[in-house]
C-alpha atoms as a PDB file:
ATOM      1  CA  MET A   1      -7.356  10.175 -18.498  1.00  0.00           C
ATOM      2  CA  GLU A   2      -3.841   9.791 -19.985  1.00  0.00           C
ATOM      3  CA  THR A   3      -3.426   8.857 -24.011  1.00  0.00           C
ATOM      4  CA  ILE A   4      -1.950   5.485 -24.981  1.00  0.00           C
ATOM      5  CA  GLU A   5      -0.315   5.118 -28.536  1.00  0.00           C
ATOM      6  CA  LYS A   6      -2.087   1.437 -29.262  1.00  0.00           C
ATOM      7  CA  VAL A   7      -4.056  -1.424 -26.714  1.00  0.00           C
ATOM      8  CA  THR A   8      -1.201  -4.628 -26.809  1.00  0.00           C
ATOM      9  CA  ARG A   9      -1.680  -8.633 -26.854  1.00  0.00           C
ATOM     10  CA  GLU A  10       0.086  -7.646 -22.682  1.00  0.00           C
ATOM     11  CA  HIS A  11      -2.625  -4.483 -21.729  1.00  0.00           C
ATOM     12  CA  LEU A  12      -5.491  -7.507 -22.496  1.00  0.00           C
ATOM     13  CA  ARG A  13      -4.072  -9.519 -20.587  1.00  0.00           C
ATOM     14  CA  SER A  14      -2.834  -8.462 -17.735  1.00  0.00           C
ATOM     15  CA  MET A  15      -7.180  -7.351 -17.263  1.00  0.00           C
ATOM     16  CA  ALA A  16      -9.376  -9.894 -14.474  1.00  0.00           C
ATOM     17  CA  ALA A  17     -12.095 -11.924 -15.638  1.00  0.00           C
ATOM     18  CA  GLY A  18     -15.465  -8.959 -15.685  1.00  0.00           C
ATOM     19  CA  GLU A  19     -12.587  -5.999 -15.449  1.00  0.00           C
ATOM     20  CA  THR A  20     -13.824  -2.917 -17.686  1.00  0.00           C
ATOM     21  CA  ARG A  21     -10.547  -0.414 -18.744  1.00  0.00           C
ATOM     22  CA  THR A  22     -11.834   2.824 -20.292  1.00  0.00           C
ATOM     23  CA  PHE A  23      -8.370   3.168 -23.160  1.00  0.00           C
ATOM     24  CA  THR A  24      -7.657   6.303 -25.029  1.00  0.00           C
ATOM     25  CA  LEU A  25      -5.399   6.778 -27.472  1.00  0.00           C
ATOM     26  CA  PRO A  26      -4.816   9.351 -30.740  1.00  0.00           C
ATOM     27  CA  SER A  27      -6.899   8.839 -32.614  1.00  0.00           C
ATOM     28  CA  ALA A  28      -9.782   6.695 -34.650  1.00  0.00           C
ATOM     29  CA  GLN A  29      -7.603   4.952 -36.595  1.00  0.00           C
ATOM     30  CA  ALA A  30      -6.324   3.395 -33.062  1.00  0.00           C
ATOM     31  CA  CYS A  31      -9.223   2.953 -31.847  1.00  0.00           C
ATOM     32  CA  ASP A  32     -10.089   0.720 -34.514  1.00  0.00           C
ATOM     33  CA  ASN A  33      -6.575  -1.215 -34.218  1.00  0.00           C
ATOM     34  CA  GLY A  34      -7.522  -1.547 -30.428  1.00  0.00           C
ATOM     35  CA  LYS A  35     -10.598  -3.635 -31.619  1.00  0.00           C
ATOM     36  CA  THR A  36      -9.495  -5.563 -33.243  1.00  0.00           C
ATOM     37  CA  THR A  37      -6.341  -6.023 -30.985  1.00  0.00           C
ATOM     38  CA  ALA A  38      -9.301  -7.639 -28.635  1.00  0.00           C
ATOM     39  CA  TYR A  39     -11.167  -9.823 -30.903  1.00  0.00           C
ATOM     40  CA  GLN A  40      -7.667 -11.886 -32.127  1.00  0.00           C
ATOM     41  CA  VAL A  41      -7.015 -12.348 -28.310  1.00  0.00           C
ATOM     42  CA  GLN A  42      -9.789 -13.939 -26.990  1.00  0.00           C
ATOM     43  CA  ASN A  43      -9.792 -15.821 -29.112  1.00  0.00           C
ATOM     44  CA  LEU A  44      -5.830 -17.259 -27.476  1.00  0.00           C
ATOM     45  CA  GLU A  45      -7.084 -15.897 -24.004  1.00  0.00           C
ATOM     46  CA  ASN A  46     -11.106 -18.398 -24.067  1.00  0.00           C
ATOM     47  CA  CYS A  47     -12.332 -14.758 -22.936  1.00  0.00           C
ATOM     48  CA  LYS A  48     -14.760 -12.879 -24.929  1.00  0.00           C
ATOM     49  CA  TYR A  49     -13.745  -9.356 -25.249  1.00  0.00           C
ATOM     50  CA  SER A  50     -17.387  -6.415 -24.957  1.00  0.00           C
ATOM     51  CA  VAL A  51     -16.334  -2.824 -27.106  1.00  0.00           C
ATOM     52  CA  GLN A  52     -17.539  -0.207 -27.671  1.00  0.00           C
ATOM     53  CA  THR A  53     -15.439   3.036 -28.948  1.00  0.00           C
ATOM     54  CA  ASP A  54     -15.967   7.001 -28.594  1.00  0.00           C
ATOM     55  CA  TYR A  55     -14.820   8.180 -31.430  1.00  0.00           C
ATOM     56  CA  VAL A  56     -15.613  12.058 -31.045  1.00  0.00           C
ATOM     57  CA  ASN A  57     -12.917  11.465 -27.952  1.00  0.00           C
ATOM     58  CA  ASN A  58     -10.861   8.975 -29.122  1.00  0.00           C
ATOM     59  CA  ARG A  59     -12.332   6.300 -26.585  1.00  0.00           C
ATOM     60  CA  LEU A  60     -12.406   2.926 -26.709  1.00  0.00           C
ATOM     61  CA  THR A  61     -13.501   0.625 -23.183  1.00  0.00           C
ATOM     62  CA  ILE A  62     -13.266  -3.199 -22.681  1.00  0.00           C
ATOM     63  CA  THR A  63     -14.475  -4.961 -20.389  1.00  0.00           C
ATOM     64  CA  LYS A  64     -13.245  -8.995 -20.758  1.00  0.00           C
ATOM     65  CA  ASN A  65     -16.048 -10.954 -19.560  1.00  0.00           C
ATOM     66  CA  PRO A  66     -14.959 -15.467 -19.005  1.00  0.00           C
ATOM     67  CA  VAL A  67     -16.689 -17.644 -22.017  1.00  0.00           C
END
């Protein structure tokens, strides 16, 4: 799985409702930043994101859910 620098708003906005994506990030801090981005974007996009963090492997799994 390819490592990306950070989870962006564009990554989240491009997700379809019900879609789940796993992002491999360079650090645990990048995982926390991605989680924060998801929770900020859900207020702008009128949806909910479920986020699971795997700090051992620096992976963030995000699911976009309709409201």
